[in-house]
């Protein structure tokens, strides 16, 4: 079965590590000078080191697109079948890019969860997103508009056309 696998960007992980380093160094300098606020800087910005290192060496695909559906490690344990997707649209929230997936009410994940999950889902919808959102912020350079159009095509295509659409996908989705 043909699949497109999108991985976390190594460049963004290195950038995170490089951006937090001056603040950690400033915190160390403040400690040497006797200012205890340096501990706060080290503790807060030092948390970026394990996150950045994990993202740098994580070799698992973040998003998988195949004939069955979409698998995103950050939002679900299972594939989101193409037949469940009614609509999709791109959105940017605070500079982070997402693709929002509109699914039928009875297939929403919060239906099986508690009150807290339902209130978070309502908050997502209040800001213009959906309950199922594919986060493109950590993956390689992707054209979110073309990926959204591809998702819409796959959700409407029959089984034989899905394999053909997957063959043409990689050249369309990546940004130069």
N, C-alpha and C. Protein backbone atom coordinates (compact mmCIF):
# COMPACT_ATOMS: atom_id res chain seq x y z
N UNK A 1 0.85 -1.18 0.00
CA UNK A 1 0.00 0.00 0.00
C UNK A 1 0.90 1.25 0.00
N UNK A 2 0.62 2.13 -0.91
CA UNK A 2 1.40 3.36 -1.04
C UNK A 2 0.99 4.35 0.05
N UNK A 3 1.98 5.04 0.61
CA UNK A 3 1.70 6.01 1.67
C UNK A 3 2.69 7.16 1.60
N UNK A 4 2.24 8.32 2.01
CA UNK A 4 3.11 9.47 2.15
C UNK A 4 3.34 9.68 3.64
N UNK A 5 4.60 9.74 4.04
CA UNK A 5 4.94 9.92 5.45
C UNK A 5 5.60 11.28 5.62
N UNK A 6 5.09 12.05 6.55
CA UNK A 6 5.64 13.37 6.85
C UNK A 6 6.33 13.29 8.21
N UNK A 7 7.58 13.74 8.26
CA UNK A 7 8.38 13.65 9.47
C UNK A 7 8.56 15.02 10.11
N UNK A 8 8.95 15.01 11.38
CA UNK A 8 9.24 16.26 12.07
C UNK A 8 10.46 16.90 11.42
N UNK A 9 10.46 18.21 11.40
CA UNK A 9 11.54 18.96 10.79
C UNK A 9 12.74 19.02 11.74
N UNK A 10 13.88 18.54 11.26
CA UNK A 10 15.12 18.60 12.05
C UNK A 10 15.58 20.05 12.19
N UNK A 11 15.33 20.82 11.17
CA UNK A 11 15.72 22.24 11.18
C UNK A 11 15.00 23.01 12.30
N UNK A 12 13.73 22.72 12.49
CA UNK A 12 12.98 23.40 13.55
C UNK A 12 13.45 22.96 14.94
N UNK A 13 13.87 21.71 15.07
CA UNK A 13 14.39 21.24 16.35
C UNK A 13 15.71 21.93 16.69
N UNK A 14 16.59 22.05 15.71
CA UNK A 14 17.87 22.75 15.92
C UNK A 14 17.61 24.22 16.23
N UNK A 15 16.67 24.82 15.53
CA UNK A 15 16.33 26.22 15.78
C UNK A 15 15.83 26.43 17.20
N UNK A 16 15.02 25.51 17.70
CA UNK A 16 14.54 25.59 19.08
C UNK A 16 15.71 25.54 20.07
N UNK A 17 16.64 24.63 19.82
CA UNK A 17 17.80 24.52 20.70
C UNK A 17 18.66 25.78 20.66
N UNK A 18 18.84 26.32 19.48
CA UNK A 18 19.66 27.53 19.35
C UNK A 18 18.99 28.76 19.96
N UNK A 19 17.67 28.84 19.86
CA UNK A 19 16.96 30.00 20.40
C UNK A 19 16.90 30.00 21.93
N UNK A 20 16.89 28.84 22.55
CA UNK A 20 16.82 28.80 24.01
C UNK A 20 18.20 28.95 24.67
N UNK A 21 19.26 28.69 23.94
CA UNK A 21 20.61 28.74 24.50
C UNK A 21 21.00 30.11 25.06
N UNK A 22 20.74 31.24 24.39
CA UNK A 22 21.11 32.53 24.98
C UNK A 22 20.40 32.82 26.30
N UNK A 23 19.16 32.36 26.42
CA UNK A 23 18.42 32.62 27.65
C UNK A 23 18.93 31.76 28.81
N UNK A 24 19.33 30.54 28.51
CA UNK A 24 19.93 29.69 29.54
C UNK A 24 21.28 30.28 29.95
N UNK A 25 22.05 30.75 28.98
CA UNK A 25 23.34 31.37 29.29
C UNK A 25 23.14 32.63 30.12
N UNK A 26 22.11 33.41 29.81
CA UNK A 26 21.81 34.61 30.59
C UNK A 26 21.42 34.23 32.02
N UNK A 27 20.68 33.13 32.16
CA UNK A 27 20.31 32.66 33.49
C UNK A 27 21.53 32.25 34.30
N UNK A 28 22.47 31.57 33.66
CA UNK A 28 23.71 31.18 34.35
C UNK A 28 24.50 32.42 34.75
N UNK A 29 24.58 33.39 33.84
CA UNK A 29 25.28 34.64 34.15
C UNK A 29 24.62 35.36 35.33
N UNK A 30 23.28 35.36 35.37
CA UNK A 30 22.57 36.01 36.48
C UNK A 30 22.85 35.30 37.80
N UNK A 31 22.97 33.97 37.78
CA UNK A 31 23.30 33.23 38.99
C UNK A 31 24.69 33.57 39.49
N UNK A 32 25.62 33.69 38.56
CA UNK A 32 27.00 34.04 38.93
C UNK A 32 27.02 35.44 39.55
N UNK A 33 26.18 36.33 39.06
CA UNK A 33 26.11 37.69 39.59
C UNK A 33 25.33 37.76 40.91
N UNK A 34 24.67 36.67 41.29
CA UNK A 34 23.95 36.64 42.55
C UNK A 34 22.45 36.86 42.45
N UNK A 35 21.93 36.97 41.24
CA UNK A 35 20.51 37.16 41.04
C UNK A 35 19.83 35.79 40.94
N UNK A 36 18.90 35.51 41.85
CA UNK A 36 18.25 34.21 41.87
C UNK A 36 17.20 34.05 40.78
N UNK A 37 16.87 35.12 40.07
CA UNK A 37 15.93 35.02 38.95
C UNK A 37 16.52 34.17 37.82
N UNK A 38 17.81 34.01 37.85
CA UNK A 38 18.48 33.17 36.86
C UNK A 38 17.96 31.73 36.86
N UNK A 39 17.58 31.25 38.05
CA UNK A 39 17.01 29.89 38.14
C UNK A 39 15.74 29.78 37.31
N UNK A 40 14.92 30.82 37.32
CA UNK A 40 13.68 30.80 36.55
C UNK A 40 13.98 30.72 35.05
N UNK A 41 14.96 31.49 34.61
CA UNK A 41 15.33 31.45 33.19
C UNK A 41 15.87 30.07 32.81
N UNK A 42 16.73 29.53 33.65
CA UNK A 42 17.30 28.21 33.36
C UNK A 42 16.22 27.14 33.36
N UNK A 43 15.32 27.20 34.34
CA UNK A 43 14.26 26.18 34.43
C UNK A 43 13.30 26.27 33.24
N UNK A 44 12.89 27.47 32.87
CA UNK A 44 11.91 27.62 31.79
C UNK A 44 12.52 27.30 30.43
N UNK A 45 13.61 27.98 30.10
CA UNK A 45 14.19 27.79 28.78
C UNK A 45 14.99 26.49 28.69
N UNK A 46 15.40 25.95 29.81
CA UNK A 46 16.09 24.67 29.82
C UNK A 46 15.18 23.52 29.43
N UNK A 47 13.87 23.70 29.58
CA UNK A 47 12.92 22.66 29.16
C UNK A 47 12.93 22.46 27.64
N UNK A 48 13.40 23.45 26.92
CA UNK A 48 13.46 23.32 25.46
C UNK A 48 14.52 22.31 25.03
N UNK A 49 15.53 22.08 25.85
CA UNK A 49 16.58 21.13 25.47
C UNK A 49 16.06 19.70 25.31
N UNK A 50 15.36 19.14 26.29
CA UNK A 50 14.85 17.78 26.07
C UNK A 50 13.85 17.70 24.93
N UNK A 51 13.00 18.72 24.79
CA UNK A 51 12.02 18.72 23.70
C UNK A 51 12.74 18.79 22.35
N UNK A 52 13.70 19.69 22.23
CA UNK A 52 14.44 19.83 20.98
C UNK A 52 15.24 18.59 20.63
N UNK A 53 15.88 18.00 21.61
CA UNK A 53 16.67 16.79 21.36
C UNK A 53 15.76 15.63 20.97
N UNK A 54 14.61 15.51 21.64
CA UNK A 54 13.66 14.46 21.27
C UNK A 54 13.18 14.64 19.83
N UNK A 55 12.82 15.86 19.46
CA UNK A 55 12.35 16.11 18.10
C UNK A 55 13.46 15.91 17.07
N UNK A 56 14.69 16.19 17.46
CA UNK A 56 15.81 16.03 16.54
C UNK A 56 16.08 14.57 16.21
N UNK A 57 15.95 13.69 17.19
CA UNK A 57 16.27 12.28 16.98
C UNK A 57 15.05 11.38 16.78
N UNK A 58 13.86 11.93 16.76
CA UNK A 58 12.64 11.14 16.56
C UNK A 58 12.53 10.77 15.09
N UNK A 59 12.58 9.49 14.80
CA UNK A 59 12.57 9.01 13.43
C UNK A 59 11.20 8.48 12.99
N UNK A 60 10.21 8.55 13.87
CA UNK A 60 8.87 8.07 13.51
C UNK A 60 8.14 9.12 12.68
N UNK A 61 7.32 8.69 11.72
CA UNK A 61 6.56 9.67 10.96
C UNK A 61 5.50 10.36 11.83
N UNK A 62 5.34 11.65 11.64
CA UNK A 62 4.34 12.41 12.40
C UNK A 62 2.96 12.25 11.77
N UNK A 63 2.89 12.30 10.44
CA UNK A 63 1.63 12.19 9.71
C UNK A 63 1.81 11.17 8.60
N UNK A 64 0.84 10.26 8.47
CA UNK A 64 0.86 9.27 7.40
C UNK A 64 -0.44 9.40 6.62
N UNK A 65 -0.32 9.53 5.31
CA UNK A 65 -1.48 9.57 4.42
C UNK A 65 -1.42 8.33 3.53
N UNK A 66 -2.46 7.50 3.57
CA UNK A 66 -2.50 6.34 2.70
C UNK A 66 -3.94 6.11 2.22
N UNK A 67 -4.18 4.97 1.61
CA UNK A 67 -5.50 4.69 1.04
C UNK A 67 -6.58 4.54 2.10
N UNK A 68 -6.20 4.24 3.32
CA UNK A 68 -7.17 4.07 4.41
C UNK A 68 -7.61 5.42 4.95
N UNK A 69 -6.64 6.30 5.19
CA UNK A 69 -6.97 7.60 5.77
C UNK A 69 -5.73 8.35 6.22
N UNK A 70 -5.91 9.17 7.25
CA UNK A 70 -4.85 10.00 7.79
C UNK A 70 -4.53 9.52 9.20
N UNK A 71 -3.24 9.36 9.47
CA UNK A 71 -2.80 9.05 10.83
C UNK A 71 -1.91 10.19 11.29
N UNK A 72 -2.27 10.83 12.37
CA UNK A 72 -1.47 11.90 12.97
C UNK A 72 -1.18 11.49 14.40
N UNK A 73 0.11 11.33 14.72
CA UNK A 73 0.49 10.86 16.06
C UNK A 73 0.02 11.80 17.15
N UNK A 74 -0.14 13.07 16.84
CA UNK A 74 -0.48 14.02 17.90
C UNK A 74 -1.97 14.04 18.24
N UNK A 75 -2.84 13.53 17.36
CA UNK A 75 -4.27 13.64 17.67
C UNK A 75 -5.00 12.33 17.84
N UNK A 76 -4.45 11.23 17.31
CA UNK A 76 -5.25 10.02 17.44
C UNK A 76 -4.38 8.78 17.53
N UNK A 77 -4.98 7.73 17.99
CA UNK A 77 -4.32 6.45 18.11
C UNK A 77 -4.56 5.59 16.87
N UNK A 78 -5.48 6.02 16.03
CA UNK A 78 -5.91 5.23 14.88
C UNK A 78 -6.04 6.13 13.66
N UNK A 79 -6.26 5.53 12.52
CA UNK A 79 -6.45 6.29 11.29
C UNK A 79 -7.80 7.01 11.31
N UNK A 80 -7.82 8.18 10.70
CA UNK A 80 -9.06 8.90 10.44
C UNK A 80 -9.43 8.54 9.01
N UNK A 81 -10.45 7.72 8.85
CA UNK A 81 -10.82 7.22 7.53
C UNK A 81 -11.27 8.35 6.62
N UNK A 82 -10.94 8.20 5.34
CA UNK A 82 -11.32 9.24 4.36
C UNK A 82 -12.83 9.42 4.30
N UNK A 83 -13.58 8.35 4.50
CA UNK A 83 -15.03 8.42 4.41
C UNK A 83 -15.65 9.27 5.53
N UNK A 84 -14.97 9.40 6.64
CA UNK A 84 -15.48 10.19 7.77
C UNK A 84 -15.32 11.69 7.56
N UNK A 85 -14.39 12.08 6.70
CA UNK A 85 -14.09 13.50 6.51
C UNK A 85 -15.12 14.12 5.57
N UNK A 86 -15.85 15.08 6.09
CA UNK A 86 -16.85 15.79 5.29
C UNK A 86 -16.27 17.03 4.62
N UNK A 87 -15.36 17.69 5.30
CA UNK A 87 -14.76 18.91 4.79
C UNK A 87 -13.41 19.10 5.48
N UNK A 88 -12.57 19.94 4.90
CA UNK A 88 -11.28 20.27 5.49
C UNK A 88 -10.93 21.69 5.08
N UNK A 89 -10.25 22.41 5.97
CA UNK A 89 -9.82 23.76 5.65
C UNK A 89 -8.58 24.10 6.46
N UNK A 90 -7.68 24.92 5.85
CA UNK A 90 -6.48 25.32 6.58
C UNK A 90 -6.77 26.51 7.48
N UNK A 91 -6.02 26.59 8.57
CA UNK A 91 -6.17 27.70 9.50
C UNK A 91 -4.81 27.97 10.14
N UNK A 92 -4.58 29.22 10.49
CA UNK A 92 -3.35 29.58 11.20
C UNK A 92 -3.74 30.24 12.51
N UNK A 93 -3.23 29.72 13.61
CA UNK A 93 -3.51 30.26 14.93
C UNK A 93 -2.16 30.58 15.57
N UNK A 94 -1.92 31.85 15.84
CA UNK A 94 -0.67 32.32 16.43
C UNK A 94 0.56 31.84 15.65
N UNK A 95 0.47 31.87 14.34
CA UNK A 95 1.59 31.46 13.51
C UNK A 95 1.73 29.97 13.30
N UNK A 96 0.93 29.16 13.96
CA UNK A 96 0.96 27.71 13.79
C UNK A 96 -0.09 27.34 12.75
N UNK A 97 0.32 26.51 11.79
CA UNK A 97 -0.59 26.10 10.72
C UNK A 97 -1.26 24.77 11.08
N UNK A 98 -2.55 24.70 10.78
CA UNK A 98 -3.34 23.50 11.03
C UNK A 98 -4.20 23.22 9.81
N UNK A 99 -4.60 21.96 9.66
CA UNK A 99 -5.66 21.60 8.74
C UNK A 99 -6.78 21.05 9.60
N UNK A 100 -7.92 21.71 9.56
CA UNK A 100 -9.07 21.32 10.36
C UNK A 100 -9.91 20.32 9.58
N UNK A 101 -10.26 19.23 10.21
CA UNK A 101 -11.07 18.18 9.58
C UNK A 101 -12.48 18.21 10.16
N UNK A 102 -13.45 18.40 9.30
CA UNK A 102 -14.85 18.40 9.72
C UNK A 102 -15.37 16.98 9.54
N UNK A 103 -15.82 16.38 10.65
CA UNK A 103 -16.38 15.03 10.62
C UNK A 103 -17.79 15.08 11.18
N UNK A 104 -18.53 14.01 10.94
CA UNK A 104 -19.90 13.92 11.43
C UNK A 104 -19.91 13.95 12.96
N UNK A 105 -20.94 14.51 13.53
CA UNK A 105 -21.09 14.67 14.98
C UNK A 105 -20.90 13.34 15.73
N UNK A 106 -21.42 12.25 15.19
CA UNK A 106 -21.35 10.97 15.91
C UNK A 106 -19.96 10.34 15.89
N UNK A 107 -19.05 10.85 15.06
CA UNK A 107 -17.70 10.30 14.99
C UNK A 107 -16.66 11.17 15.68
N UNK A 108 -17.08 12.24 16.31
CA UNK A 108 -16.13 13.12 17.00
C UNK A 108 -15.57 12.41 18.24
N UNK A 109 -14.27 12.55 18.49
CA UNK A 109 -13.65 11.85 19.62
C UNK A 109 -14.20 12.25 20.98
N UNK A 110 -14.66 13.47 21.15
CA UNK A 110 -15.14 13.90 22.46
C UNK A 110 -16.44 13.22 22.87
N UNK A 111 -17.12 12.58 21.94
CA UNK A 111 -18.36 11.87 22.27
C UNK A 111 -18.10 10.76 23.29
N UNK A 112 -16.91 10.19 23.24
CA UNK A 112 -16.57 9.08 24.13
C UNK A 112 -15.82 9.54 25.37
N UNK A 113 -15.60 10.85 25.51
CA UNK A 113 -14.79 11.35 26.60
C UNK A 113 -15.62 12.17 27.58
N UNK A 114 -14.97 12.69 28.59
CA UNK A 114 -15.63 13.38 29.67
C UNK A 114 -15.97 14.83 29.37
N UNK A 115 -16.43 15.50 30.41
CA UNK A 115 -16.88 16.88 30.30
C UNK A 115 -15.74 17.83 29.92
N UNK A 116 -14.54 17.59 30.46
CA UNK A 116 -13.41 18.45 30.15
C UNK A 116 -13.07 18.41 28.66
N UNK A 117 -13.03 17.21 28.07
CA UNK A 117 -12.74 17.08 26.64
C UNK A 117 -13.81 17.74 25.79
N UNK A 118 -15.04 17.65 26.22
CA UNK A 118 -16.12 18.31 25.47
C UNK A 118 -16.00 19.82 25.54
N UNK A 119 -15.59 20.35 26.68
CA UNK A 119 -15.44 21.80 26.79
C UNK A 119 -14.23 22.29 25.98
N UNK A 120 -13.17 21.50 25.92
CA UNK A 120 -12.01 21.86 25.08
C UNK A 120 -12.42 21.84 23.61
N UNK A 121 -13.24 20.87 23.21
CA UNK A 121 -13.71 20.80 21.83
C UNK A 121 -14.56 22.03 21.48
N UNK A 122 -15.37 22.48 22.41
CA UNK A 122 -16.18 23.68 22.17
C UNK A 122 -15.29 24.92 22.06
N UNK A 123 -14.23 24.96 22.86
CA UNK A 123 -13.29 26.08 22.79
C UNK A 123 -12.58 26.10 21.44
N UNK A 124 -12.18 24.92 20.95
CA UNK A 124 -11.57 24.83 19.62
C UNK A 124 -12.51 25.38 18.55
N UNK A 125 -13.76 24.99 18.61
CA UNK A 125 -14.72 25.46 17.61
C UNK A 125 -15.00 26.95 17.75
N UNK A 126 -14.86 27.48 18.95
CA UNK A 126 -15.09 28.91 19.15
C UNK A 126 -14.00 29.76 18.49
N UNK A 127 -12.79 29.22 18.36
CA UNK A 127 -11.71 29.98 17.72
C UNK A 127 -11.61 29.69 16.23
N UNK A 128 -12.52 28.90 15.70
CA UNK A 128 -12.55 28.64 14.27
C UNK A 128 -11.94 27.33 13.84
N UNK A 129 -11.49 26.53 14.79
CA UNK A 129 -10.90 25.22 14.46
C UNK A 129 -11.96 24.13 14.64
N UNK A 130 -11.55 22.91 14.54
CA UNK A 130 -12.44 21.76 14.72
C UNK A 130 -11.88 20.89 15.84
N UNK A 131 -12.56 19.81 16.10
CA UNK A 131 -12.09 18.89 17.12
C UNK A 131 -10.89 18.09 16.63
N UNK A 132 -10.86 17.78 15.35
CA UNK A 132 -9.73 17.08 14.74
C UNK A 132 -8.94 18.08 13.89
N UNK A 133 -7.75 18.42 14.35
CA UNK A 133 -6.89 19.38 13.66
C UNK A 133 -5.53 18.75 13.46
N UNK A 134 -5.04 18.77 12.24
CA UNK A 134 -3.72 18.25 11.94
C UNK A 134 -2.73 19.39 12.08
N UNK A 135 -1.81 19.27 13.02
CA UNK A 135 -0.82 20.32 13.27
C UNK A 135 0.34 20.17 12.30
N UNK A 136 0.57 21.21 11.50
CA UNK A 136 1.66 21.21 10.54
C UNK A 136 2.87 21.99 11.03
N UNK A 137 2.83 22.45 12.27
CA UNK A 137 3.88 23.30 12.79
C UNK A 137 5.22 22.62 12.94
N UNK A 138 5.26 21.34 13.23
CA UNK A 138 6.53 20.65 13.46
C UNK A 138 7.00 19.81 12.28
N UNK A 139 6.19 19.70 11.24
CA UNK A 139 6.58 18.86 10.11
C UNK A 139 7.36 19.66 9.08
N UNK A 140 7.90 18.94 8.09
CA UNK A 140 8.69 19.55 7.04
C UNK A 140 7.89 20.62 6.32
N UNK A 141 8.55 21.35 5.44
CA UNK A 141 7.86 22.41 4.70
C UNK A 141 6.78 21.81 3.81
N UNK A 142 5.55 22.13 4.14
CA UNK A 142 4.40 21.58 3.43
C UNK A 142 3.53 22.74 2.96
N UNK A 143 2.99 22.63 1.78
CA UNK A 143 2.02 23.60 1.30
C UNK A 143 0.66 23.18 1.86
N UNK A 144 0.18 23.89 2.87
CA UNK A 144 -1.05 23.49 3.56
C UNK A 144 -2.28 23.60 2.67
N UNK A 145 -2.30 24.53 1.74
CA UNK A 145 -3.45 24.67 0.84
C UNK A 145 -3.55 23.45 -0.07
N UNK A 146 -2.43 23.05 -0.67
CA UNK A 146 -2.44 21.88 -1.56
C UNK A 146 -2.73 20.60 -0.80
N UNK A 147 -2.22 20.49 0.42
CA UNK A 147 -2.52 19.31 1.23
C UNK A 147 -4.00 19.26 1.59
N UNK A 148 -4.59 20.40 1.88
CA UNK A 148 -6.02 20.46 2.17
C UNK A 148 -6.83 20.04 0.95
N UNK A 149 -6.47 20.53 -0.22
CA UNK A 149 -7.17 20.14 -1.44
C UNK A 149 -7.02 18.65 -1.70
N UNK A 150 -5.84 18.10 -1.40
CA UNK A 150 -5.64 16.67 -1.55
C UNK A 150 -6.54 15.88 -0.60
N UNK A 151 -6.65 16.33 0.63
CA UNK A 151 -7.51 15.66 1.61
C UNK A 151 -8.96 15.67 1.14
N UNK A 152 -9.40 16.79 0.60
CA UNK A 152 -10.77 16.87 0.08
C UNK A 152 -10.97 15.94 -1.11
N UNK A 153 -9.97 15.84 -1.99
CA UNK A 153 -10.07 14.93 -3.12
C UNK A 153 -10.14 13.48 -2.65
N UNK A 154 -9.30 13.13 -1.69
CA UNK A 154 -9.28 11.75 -1.19
C UNK A 154 -10.58 11.39 -0.47
N UNK A 155 -11.17 12.36 0.22
CA UNK A 155 -12.41 12.06 0.95
C UNK A 155 -13.59 11.83 -0.01
N UNK A 156 -13.50 12.37 -1.23
CA UNK A 156 -14.58 12.23 -2.20
C UNK A 156 -14.31 11.13 -3.22
N UNK A 157 -13.07 10.65 -3.31
CA UNK A 157 -12.68 9.68 -4.35
C UNK A 157 -13.13 8.27 -3.99
N UNK A 158 -13.28 7.45 -5.04
CA UNK A 158 -13.58 6.04 -4.78
C UNK A 158 -12.27 5.29 -4.57
N UNK A 159 -12.36 4.02 -4.22
CA UNK A 159 -11.19 3.26 -3.79
C UNK A 159 -10.12 3.15 -4.87
N UNK A 160 -10.49 2.98 -6.10
CA UNK A 160 -9.49 2.84 -7.17
C UNK A 160 -8.78 4.16 -7.46
N UNK A 161 -9.48 5.28 -7.33
CA UNK A 161 -8.87 6.58 -7.60
C UNK A 161 -7.92 7.01 -6.48
N UNK A 162 -8.09 6.50 -5.28
CA UNK A 162 -7.25 6.89 -4.15
C UNK A 162 -5.79 6.51 -4.38
N UNK A 163 -5.55 5.34 -4.94
CA UNK A 163 -4.17 4.91 -5.21
C UNK A 163 -3.51 5.82 -6.24
N UNK A 164 -4.26 6.22 -7.25
CA UNK A 164 -3.72 7.13 -8.27
C UNK A 164 -3.44 8.51 -7.69
N UNK A 165 -4.31 9.00 -6.83
CA UNK A 165 -4.10 10.30 -6.20
C UNK A 165 -2.85 10.28 -5.31
N UNK A 166 -2.63 9.19 -4.60
CA UNK A 166 -1.46 9.09 -3.73
C UNK A 166 -0.16 9.11 -4.52
N UNK A 167 -0.16 8.56 -5.73
CA UNK A 167 1.05 8.56 -6.55
C UNK A 167 1.45 9.97 -6.95
N UNK A 168 0.48 10.84 -7.15
CA UNK A 168 0.78 12.21 -7.60
C UNK A 168 0.99 13.18 -6.44
N UNK A 169 0.79 12.76 -5.22
CA UNK A 169 0.82 13.68 -4.09
C UNK A 169 2.17 14.30 -3.77
N UNK A 170 3.26 13.55 -3.63
CA UNK A 170 4.51 14.17 -3.12
C UNK A 170 4.98 15.39 -3.89
N UNK A 171 4.85 15.39 -5.21
CA UNK A 171 5.32 16.54 -5.98
C UNK A 171 4.45 17.78 -5.75
N UNK A 172 3.20 17.58 -5.35
CA UNK A 172 2.29 18.70 -5.18
C UNK A 172 2.42 19.37 -3.80
N UNK A 173 2.75 18.61 -2.79
CA UNK A 173 2.59 19.07 -1.42
C UNK A 173 3.80 19.82 -0.87
N UNK A 174 5.01 19.40 -1.22
CA UNK A 174 6.20 20.02 -0.64
C UNK A 174 6.45 21.40 -1.21
N UNK A 175 6.85 22.32 -0.34
CA UNK A 175 7.20 23.67 -0.77
C UNK A 175 8.67 23.70 -1.16
N UNK A 176 9.02 24.50 -2.15
CA UNK A 176 10.44 24.58 -2.53
C UNK A 176 11.25 25.31 -1.48
